[in-house]
Protein backbone atom coordinates (compact mmCIF):
# COMPACT_ATOMS: atom_id res chain seq x y z
CA UNK A 1 73.60 16.61 38.78
CA UNK A 2 70.47 14.40 38.31
CA UNK A 3 71.16 10.75 38.92
CA UNK A 4 68.35 8.74 37.15
CA UNK A 5 68.56 5.86 39.49
CA UNK A 6 65.91 7.35 41.42
CA UNK A 7 64.53 3.82 42.85
CA UNK A 8 65.70 4.10 46.12
CA UNK A 9 64.04 7.43 46.95
CA UNK A 10 60.06 7.37 48.00
CA UNK A 11 57.68 8.34 45.13
CA UNK A 12 54.65 9.46 45.59
CA UNK A 13 51.76 8.73 43.21
CA UNK A 14 50.16 9.68 40.86
CA UNK A 15 53.97 9.93 38.88
CA UNK A 16 55.03 10.91 35.85
CA UNK A 17 58.30 10.41 33.73
CA UNK A 18 59.97 13.56 32.33
CA UNK A 19 62.98 13.87 30.24
CA UNK A 20 65.66 14.80 32.63
CA UNK A 21 65.67 11.16 33.62
CA UNK A 22 64.13 12.33 37.41
CA UNK A 23 60.59 11.11 38.44
CA UNK A 24 57.95 14.00 39.38
CA UNK A 25 55.29 13.71 41.91
CA UNK A 26 52.43 15.24 41.31
CA UNK A 27 53.08 18.41 43.44
CA UNK A 28 56.65 18.46 40.88
CA UNK A 29 59.07 17.88 42.97
CA UNK A 30 62.31 16.04 42.00
CA UNK A 31 62.81 12.71 43.48
CA UNK A 32 66.11 11.97 41.96
CA UNK A 33 69.97 12.62 42.55
CA UNK A 34 71.24 16.06 41.64
CA UNK A 35 74.98 16.82 41.75
CA UNK A 36 76.67 19.96 41.14
CA UNK A 37 79.70 20.32 39.51
CA UNK A 38 80.07 23.62 41.25
CA UNK A 39 80.79 21.96 44.66
CA UNK A 40 84.16 23.00 44.23
CA UNK A 41 86.02 25.52 46.63
CA UNK A 42 85.77 28.02 44.12
CA UNK A 43 86.61 31.63 44.61
CA UNK A 44 84.21 31.99 47.04
CA UNK A 45 85.41 29.10 49.57
CA UNK A 46 82.37 26.79 48.01
CA UNK A 47 79.17 28.77 49.02
CA UNK A 48 77.64 28.47 45.25
CA UNK A 49 77.99 24.63 45.69
CA UNK A 50 76.18 25.31 49.15
CA UNK A 51 73.75 27.90 47.73
CA UNK A 52 72.89 25.31 44.81
CA UNK A 53 72.40 22.49 47.39
CA UNK A 54 70.07 23.97 49.22
CA UNK A 55 68.10 24.45 46.15
CA UNK A 56 68.29 20.95 45.30
CA UNK A 57 66.69 19.81 48.73
CA UNK A 58 63.99 22.06 48.27
CA UNK A 59 63.20 20.41 45.55
CA UNK A 60 63.42 17.04 46.45
CA UNK A 61 66.74 16.45 44.21
CA UNK A 62 69.52 14.35 46.17
CA UNK A 63 73.06 16.42 45.58
CA UNK A 64 76.44 15.36 44.95
CA UNK A 65 79.74 17.29 45.58
CA UNK A 66 83.26 17.12 43.59
CA UNK A 67 86.18 18.22 46.06
CA UNK A 68 89.95 18.60 45.37
CA UNK A 69 92.51 16.85 47.75
CA UNK A 70 93.41 19.23 49.78
CA UNK A 71 89.63 20.84 50.10
CA UNK A 72 88.46 17.65 51.17
CA UNK A 73 87.48 18.94 55.07
CA UNK A 74 85.67 22.18 53.14
CA UNK A 75 81.62 22.48 54.21
CA UNK A 76 80.22 22.39 50.63
CA UNK A 77 81.61 18.38 50.47
CA UNK A 78 79.58 17.91 53.83
CA UNK A 79 76.42 19.85 52.95
CA UNK A 80 75.96 17.48 49.82
CA UNK A 81 74.47 13.92 50.06
CA UNK A 82 77.36 12.52 48.06
CA UNK A 83 80.92 13.61 47.04
CA UNK A 84 83.80 12.53 44.99
CA UNK A 85 87.71 13.05 44.88
CA UNK A 86 88.25 15.05 41.37
CA UNK A 87 91.71 15.62 39.57
CA UNK A 88 93.76 12.96 41.93
CA UNK A 89 97.49 13.94 42.24
CA UNK A 90 96.39 17.82 41.24
CA UNK A 91 96.78 20.90 42.52
CA UNK A 92 93.23 21.80 43.39
CA UNK A 93 92.70 24.72 40.50
CA UNK A 94 93.88 22.27 38.12
CA UNK A 95 91.62 19.67 39.65
CA UNK A 96 88.58 21.71 39.31
CA UNK A 97 89.49 22.83 35.87
CA UNK A 98 89.84 18.75 35.01
CA UNK A 99 86.74 18.48 32.17
CA UNK A 100 87.64 14.62 31.69
CA UNK A 101 88.04 13.90 35.16
CA UNK A 102 84.78 15.57 36.29
CA UNK A 103 83.06 14.02 33.39
CA UNK A 104 84.01 10.41 34.19
CA UNK A 105 82.29 10.83 37.56
CA UNK A 106 79.44 12.11 36.37
CA UNK A 107 79.06 8.81 33.95
CA UNK A 108 80.17 6.57 36.48
CA UNK A 109 77.26 7.82 38.69
CA UNK A 110 74.82 8.42 36.60
CA UNK A 111 74.67 11.82 36.84
CA UNK A 112 72.18 13.62 34.52
CA UNK A 113 72.70 17.41 35.07
CA UNK A 114 75.44 19.91 36.18
CA UNK A 115 75.28 23.57 37.79
CA UNK A 116 78.83 24.89 36.94
CA UNK A 117 78.10 27.79 40.05
CA UNK A 118 80.64 30.39 38.92
CA UNK A 119 84.08 30.60 38.56
CA UNK A 120 86.29 27.90 37.08
CA UNK A 121 84.53 26.07 34.27
CA UNK A 122 81.13 28.27 34.68
CA UNK A 123 81.80 30.45 31.50
CA UNK A 124 84.18 27.91 29.14
CA UNK A 125 81.74 26.41 26.49
CA UNK A 126 83.68 23.48 25.68
CA UNK A 127 82.62 22.17 29.23
CA UNK A 128 79.10 22.93 28.47
CA UNK A 129 79.71 21.00 25.09
CA UNK A 130 81.60 17.89 26.66
CA UNK A 131 78.28 17.58 29.25
CA UNK A 132 75.94 17.67 26.30
CA UNK A 133 77.98 15.18 24.47
CA UNK A 134 78.20 12.91 26.80
CA UNK A 135 74.19 13.36 27.53
CA UNK A 136 74.47 15.25 30.73
CA UNK A 137 72.69 18.60 30.58
CA UNK A 138 74.17 21.62 31.18
CA UNK A 139 72.47 24.11 33.52
CA UNK A 140 73.50 27.00 31.56
CA UNK A 141 73.03 28.69 28.40
CA UNK A 142 73.87 26.59 25.47
CA UNK A 143 77.37 26.45 24.10
CA UNK A 144 76.96 28.29 21.35
CA UNK A 145 75.67 31.45 23.15
CA UNK A 146 78.63 30.71 26.18
CA UNK A 147 81.32 31.09 23.64
CA UNK A 148 79.86 34.35 21.94
CA UNK A 149 78.70 36.40 24.90
CA UNK A 150 82.58 35.07 26.63
CA UNK A 151 83.98 36.94 23.52
CA UNK A 152 83.58 40.55 24.30
CA UNK A 153 84.00 41.51 20.52
CA UNK A 154 81.54 38.87 19.64
CA UNK A 155 79.44 40.16 22.32
CA UNK A 156 79.16 43.59 21.23
CA UNK A 157 78.78 43.05 17.54
CA UNK A 158 75.54 40.97 19.29
CA UNK A 159 74.54 44.10 21.04
CA UNK A 160 74.89 46.62 17.90
CA UNK A 161 72.88 44.03 15.99
CA UNK A 162 69.85 44.21 18.58
CA UNK A 163 70.23 47.82 18.66
CA UNK A 164 71.59 48.33 21.85
CA UNK A 165 73.60 51.48 22.38
CA UNK A 166 77.67 50.32 23.16
CA UNK A 167 80.28 52.38 24.44
CA UNK A 168 82.18 53.95 21.27
CA UNK A 169 85.18 51.73 20.46
CA UNK A 170 87.16 49.55 17.60
CA UNK A 171 84.77 47.03 15.61
CA UNK A 172 87.49 44.29 16.05
CA UNK A 173 91.38 43.55 17.87
CA UNK A 174 93.83 46.32 16.95
CA UNK A 175 96.24 45.78 14.87
CA UNK A 176 98.60 48.49 14.58
CA UNK A 177 100.23 50.99 16.74
CA UNK A 178 98.62 53.63 14.09
CA UNK A 179 95.39 52.12 14.63
CA UNK A 180 95.39 52.76 18.07
CA UNK A 181 96.37 56.28 18.01
CA UNK A 182 93.94 56.77 15.49
CA UNK A 183 91.14 55.98 17.68
CA UNK A 184 91.96 58.19 20.44
CA UNK A 185 92.53 60.92 18.30
CA UNK A 186 89.04 60.64 16.89
CA UNK A 187 87.60 59.72 20.47
CA UNK A 188 89.46 61.75 22.69
CA UNK A 189 90.96 60.37 26.22
CA UNK A 190 91.29 58.29 27.95
CA UNK A 191 90.39 54.86 26.59
CA UNK A 192 90.50 51.31 27.87
CA UNK A 193 92.31 48.47 26.39
CA UNK A 194 90.68 44.72 26.67
CA UNK A 195 91.54 41.55 26.24
CA UNK A 196 88.74 40.22 24.12
CA UNK A 197 88.38 36.93 26.54
CA UNK A 198 88.84 37.38 30.27
CA UNK A 199 86.33 38.17 33.36
CA UNK A 200 86.87 39.83 36.74
CA UNK A 201 88.17 42.73 35.28
CA UNK A 202 91.26 40.98 33.92
CA UNK A 203 93.17 42.41 30.79
CA UNK A 204 91.73 45.26 31.28
CA UNK A 205 94.00 48.86 31.44
CA UNK A 206 93.09 52.21 31.09
CA UNK A 207 94.77 54.57 28.89
CA UNK A 208 95.35 58.33 29.50
CA UNK A 209 98.09 59.61 27.17
CA UNK A 210 98.50 58.90 23.12
CA UNK A 211 102.42 57.38 24.29
CA UNK A 212 100.88 54.86 26.29
CA UNK A 213 98.12 53.69 23.63
CA UNK A 214 100.81 53.52 21.24
CA UNK A 215 103.16 50.89 23.55
CA UNK A 216 99.92 49.17 24.43
CA UNK A 217 98.89 48.44 20.76
CA UNK A 218 102.67 47.56 20.18
CA UNK A 219 102.27 44.87 23.02
CA UNK A 220 99.03 43.07 21.78
CA UNK A 221 100.43 42.60 18.37
CA UNK A 222 100.58 38.93 17.00
CA UNK A 223 97.85 37.42 19.81
CA UNK A 224 94.74 39.47 17.95
CA UNK A 225 93.42 39.50 21.42
CA UNK A 226 92.68 43.28 22.53
CA UNK A 227 90.24 46.03 21.66
CA UNK A 228 89.79 49.61 22.60
CA UNK A 229 86.71 51.34 24.19
CA UNK A 230 86.31 54.90 25.23
CA UNK A 231 86.73 54.92 29.01
CA UNK A 232 83.65 56.55 31.01
CA UNK A 233 84.66 58.46 33.76
CA UNK A 234 82.88 57.62 36.98
CA UNK A 235 80.08 55.76 35.73
CA UNK A 236 77.62 53.64 37.73
CA UNK A 237 77.81 49.87 36.67
CA UNK A 238 74.35 48.48 36.27
CA UNK A 239 73.28 44.82 35.56
CA UNK A 240 70.50 43.90 34.96
CA UNK A 241 69.25 40.06 35.89
CA UNK A 242 68.23 38.18 32.98
CA UNK A 243 66.19 34.28 32.54
CA UNK A 244 65.19 32.62 29.32
CA UNK A 245 63.72 28.85 28.88
CA UNK A 246 64.07 27.01 26.13
CA UNK A 247 61.36 27.85 24.31
CA UNK A 248 62.34 31.59 23.52
CA UNK A 249 60.88 33.30 26.71
CA UNK A 250 62.80 36.09 28.05
CA UNK A 251 62.15 38.01 31.49
CA UNK A 252 64.05 40.47 33.26
CA UNK A 253 64.08 40.50 37.53
CA UNK A 254 65.37 44.43 37.16
CA UNK A 255 68.86 45.46 38.15
CA UNK A 256 71.37 45.75 40.46
CA UNK A 257 74.09 48.74 41.11
CA UNK A 258 77.37 47.16 41.56
CA UNK A 259 79.71 50.01 41.35
CA UNK A 260 81.28 49.86 44.59
CA UNK A 261 84.27 47.74 43.73
CA UNK A 262 87.80 47.24 43.67
CA UNK A 263 90.17 46.27 40.68
CA UNK A 264 86.93 45.40 38.69
CA UNK A 265 85.79 43.30 41.26
CA UNK A 266 82.31 43.98 42.92
CA UNK A 267 82.53 44.47 46.80
CA UNK A 268 78.91 46.18 47.74
CA UNK A 269 75.63 45.11 45.49
CA UNK A 270 72.07 46.99 45.72
CA UNK A 271 69.03 46.00 44.14
CA UNK A 272 66.96 47.88 42.56
CA UNK A 273 69.61 50.12 41.96
CA UNK A 274 69.08 53.22 44.13
CA UNK A 275 67.73 56.68 42.34
CA UNK A 276 67.73 55.35 38.95
CA UNK A 277 65.63 56.92 36.42
CA UNK A 278 62.63 55.31 36.00
CA UNK A 279 63.00 55.88 32.07
CA UNK A 280 66.32 54.71 31.98
CA UNK A 281 65.20 51.90 34.04
CA UNK A 282 62.40 50.93 31.16
CA UNK A 283 64.95 51.34 28.54
CA UNK A 284 67.91 49.53 30.50
CA UNK A 285 65.89 46.03 30.54
CA UNK A 286 63.97 46.48 27.41
CA UNK A 287 67.66 46.13 25.52
CA UNK A 288 68.59 43.43 28.11
CA UNK A 289 65.66 40.99 27.07
CA UNK A 290 65.93 42.26 23.48
CA UNK A 291 69.79 41.25 23.50
CA UNK A 292 69.52 37.73 25.47
CA UNK A 293 66.18 37.09 22.56
CA UNK A 294 68.85 38.52 20.14
CA UNK A 295 71.05 35.80 20.68
CA UNK A 296 68.65 32.96 21.73
CA UNK A 297 69.84 33.11 25.69
CA UNK A 298 68.61 30.58 27.60
CA UNK A 299 68.60 29.97 31.95
CA UNK A 300 70.12 32.96 33.99
CA UNK A 301 72.28 35.54 33.01
CA UNK A 302 73.16 39.29 33.61
CA UNK A 303 73.49 41.93 30.61
CA UNK A 304 75.82 44.64 32.15
CA UNK A 305 76.14 48.59 31.01
CA UNK A 306 77.49 51.67 32.28
CA UNK A 307 75.65 54.61 33.30
CA UNK A 308 77.28 57.83 32.57
CA UNK A 309 76.85 60.91 34.53
CA UNK A 310 74.71 62.61 31.96
CA UNK A 311 71.79 59.50 31.81
CA UNK A 312 73.62 57.81 28.87
CA UNK A 313 74.14 54.43 28.96
CA UNK A 314 76.55 51.66 27.25
CA UNK A 315 76.24 47.84 26.92
CA UNK A 316 79.53 46.26 27.99
CA UNK A 317 79.23 42.59 28.37
CA UNK A 318 76.80 39.83 29.34
CA UNK A 319 77.82 37.60 32.48
CA UNK A 320 76.49 34.07 31.29
CA UNK A 321 76.21 32.45 34.20
CA UNK A 322 74.59 32.90 37.82
CA UNK A 323 76.29 35.60 39.30
CA UNK A 324 77.58 35.93 42.83
CA UNK A 325 75.63 38.84 43.60
CA UNK A 326 72.29 37.11 42.72
CA UNK A 327 71.01 36.93 46.31
CA UNK A 328 69.91 40.71 46.37
CA UNK A 329 67.92 40.54 43.28
CA UNK A 330 66.45 36.86 44.91
CA UNK A 331 65.76 39.12 48.27
CA UNK A 332 64.48 42.05 46.29
CA UNK A 333 61.95 40.37 44.05
CA UNK A 334 61.18 37.08 46.46
CA UNK A 335 62.20 35.03 43.03
CA UNK A 336 64.49 32.12 43.78
CA UNK A 337 67.27 32.32 40.38
CA UNK A 338 68.45 28.90 41.33
CA UNK A 339 65.35 26.55 41.59
CA UNK A 340 64.28 28.49 38.27
CA UNK A 341 67.62 27.44 36.81
CA UNK A 342 67.43 24.04 37.65
CA UNK A 343 63.45 23.92 36.57
CA UNK A 344 64.67 25.56 33.16
CA UNK A 345 66.80 23.15 32.35
CA UNK A 346 64.30 20.38 33.18
CA UNK A 347 62.51 21.65 30.28
CA UNK A 348 59.66 23.82 32.08
CA UNK A 349 59.11 27.18 30.27
CA UNK A 350 59.07 30.35 32.25
CA UNK A 351 54.92 30.34 32.04
CA UNK A 352 54.55 27.50 33.77
CA UNK A 353 56.87 28.63 36.39
CA UNK A 354 54.55 31.75 36.96
CA UNK A 355 57.54 34.28 35.75
CA UNK A 356 55.91 35.88 33.41
CA UNK A 357 56.91 39.52 33.03
CA UNK A 358 53.95 41.41 34.44
CA UNK A 359 54.08 39.45 37.41
CA UNK A 360 57.23 40.25 38.46
CA UNK A 361 57.93 43.42 40.45
CA UNK A 362 60.19 44.98 43.12
CA UNK A 363 59.12 43.78 46.57
CA UNK A 364 61.85 46.07 48.38
CA UNK A 365 65.10 46.90 48.09
CA UNK A 366 68.17 44.56 49.54
CA UNK A 367 71.86 45.21 49.95
CA UNK A 368 74.99 42.73 49.91
CA UNK A 369 78.23 43.19 51.07
CA UNK A 370 81.23 40.89 50.47
CA UNK A 371 83.61 39.86 53.50
CA UNK A 372 86.95 39.25 52.01
CA UNK A 373 90.31 37.48 53.35
CA UNK A 374 92.57 40.14 51.79
CA UNK A 375 95.72 42.15 53.19
CA UNK A 376 95.28 45.98 52.81
CA UNK A 377 99.17 46.01 53.79
CA UNK A 378 99.80 43.98 50.21
CA UNK A 379 97.61 46.09 48.12
CA UNK A 380 94.73 43.95 48.96
CA UNK A 381 96.05 40.45 47.64
CA UNK A 382 94.32 37.85 48.52
CA UNK A 383 95.41 36.53 52.11
CA UNK A 384 96.28 32.41 52.99
CA UNK A 385 96.17 31.39 56.95
CA UNK A 386 93.17 29.60 59.26
CA UNK A 387 90.07 30.71 60.29
CA UNK A 388 89.48 29.82 63.57
CA UNK A 389 85.54 31.35 64.25
CA UNK A 390 83.36 32.40 62.16
CA UNK A 391 80.05 33.83 63.57
CA UNK A 392 77.63 36.05 61.77
CA UNK A 393 74.96 38.31 62.80
CA UNK A 394 71.53 36.96 62.74
CA UNK A 395 67.77 38.22 62.83
CA UNK A 396 64.86 38.83 60.59
CA UNK A 397 65.60 39.64 56.85
CA UNK A 398 69.23 38.66 57.31
CA UNK A 399 70.79 35.93 55.14
CA UNK A 400 74.84 34.69 55.35
CA UNK A 401 76.29 32.97 52.48
CA UNK A 402 79.19 31.59 53.09
CA UNK A 403 81.48 27.97 53.49
CA UNK A 404 82.76 29.13 56.31
CA UNK A 405 81.55 26.96 59.21
CA UNK A 406 84.39 25.42 60.86
CA UNK A 407 88.05 25.88 61.63
CA UNK A 408 89.17 26.21 57.78
CA UNK A 409 92.67 26.77 56.00
CA UNK A 410 92.52 29.39 53.23
CA UNK A 411 94.65 27.98 50.51
CA UNK A 412 95.45 30.54 47.27
CA UNK A 413 93.42 28.81 45.02
CA UNK A 414 90.44 29.84 46.79
CA UNK A 415 90.42 34.03 46.38
CA UNK A 416 89.73 36.41 48.58
CA UNK A 417 85.49 36.16 48.86
CA UNK A 418 84.92 34.25 51.73
CA UNK A 419 81.21 34.80 52.89
CA UNK A 420 77.93 37.14 51.58
CA UNK A 421 75.91 39.19 54.00
CA UNK A 422 72.76 40.16 52.31
CA UNK A 423 70.05 41.94 53.83
CA UNK A 424 66.92 43.62 52.71
CA UNK A 425 64.31 46.13 53.55
CA UNK A 426 62.63 46.28 56.95
CA UNK A 427 60.40 48.73 58.72
CA UNK A 428 61.72 51.94 60.09
CA UNK A 429 65.30 50.40 58.71
CA UNK A 430 67.45 50.63 55.47
CA UNK A 431 69.11 47.80 54.09
CA UNK A 432 72.03 49.99 54.85
CA UNK A 433 71.32 50.54 58.50
CA UNK A 434 70.38 46.88 58.66
CA UNK A 435 73.99 45.67 57.17
CA UNK A 436 76.11 48.12 59.55
CA UNK A 437 74.61 46.44 62.50
CA UNK A 438 74.75 42.98 61.36
CA UNK A 439 78.41 43.81 60.56
CA UNK A 440 79.30 44.75 64.06
CA UNK A 441 77.43 41.48 65.08
CA UNK A 442 79.76 39.43 63.30
CA UNK A 443 83.01 37.98 65.28
CA UNK A 444 85.61 36.44 63.16
CA UNK A 445 88.96 34.67 64.89
CA UNK A 446 92.09 34.44 61.84
CA UNK A 447 95.63 35.01 61.61
CA UNK A 448 94.23 36.09 57.95
CA UNK A 449 93.30 39.78 57.11
CA UNK A 450 89.52 40.03 57.18
CA UNK A 451 87.79 43.07 55.56
CA UNK A 452 84.23 43.61 55.35
CA UNK A 453 83.68 45.83 51.84
């Protein structure tokens, strides 16, 4: 968030007052207080909060964290310029979902903008609307777009209207078992049942026989929340990074391959997607931009596709937020996505940022893997416990994005992802080889099960 009380900050002249309540000097540096609501210990131990704080620091913006009572010693709080307790007396998850308390903290401390990070409230349209209603800038898409893209049925209809290919599926929620069986007979098995709302792979079940299809349909009756799509066997998962401003400009920053997953959770990401037909790349990125323009998208997001074995691709969803894997795109293109988000929210246009499509190019390749706290003996469920030592590899072309820097207790509310290792291309060394070397250099002393994805 950005605090309009910048009088105590050093100001160079000449200076100009901008509409976000910040003072910008002739070098276009923010001199203000920035508060990032995502400075919670979210599903990646608060690393996105630290990432946003770094962008704030580089832009001359002061950062402010929120933290739950259980997370008062986590690194994201130490990295912020200021921090405030949220949800006093509540468990961590409920604390970070407490919209009224977050807004209260923002108002009491003259905060002008909130970055939602990812996880928790990042794709909640009511949170985006609550910020706007309180005259706080939400660093993300409009509430209308967040709601539309968060509803998989509405997002699918938007893609159809924009002329973007979609997986064959029902036009709306199923209402009878007969309807489910009829779809399976028409399009063939397997199919996938999806919850209309839900991200991160939640609410998805693959069905390979008609009896199961009928029972799944029956289980969905009454809540209007399930629809059916043809299940694409062994696809590649390709997502296109997009950026839009408040003046209707949209660009893409090429694509990432996120096909290596466990339980629909991404583990390894590569940018650009290796061995992708240039014709398909051009078509896919053009479709992503067209869909974003159709819905009036602003700020950062990703348009996700499944690429079948025969070269046909299909739209599956839009993530109306910054993605965990955004760092591989930053490494591949040299563009700071988080800084871009902040500047767009301030009202700067993409051309003013130098982000014109013909100027955006892939400068190299990059790969990212997740270091997770999962227990293989328990079907890779998130583990809890204490991390005593965490020391990652170092060197040129390597970055470790993590909130682990001291003895830390990993609670059940934090999820499984603990760190992200991102490697880019070096002379005579591929990103994959580079990554393997850095993983071998890493040292972790913990009572948890640590997996290098």
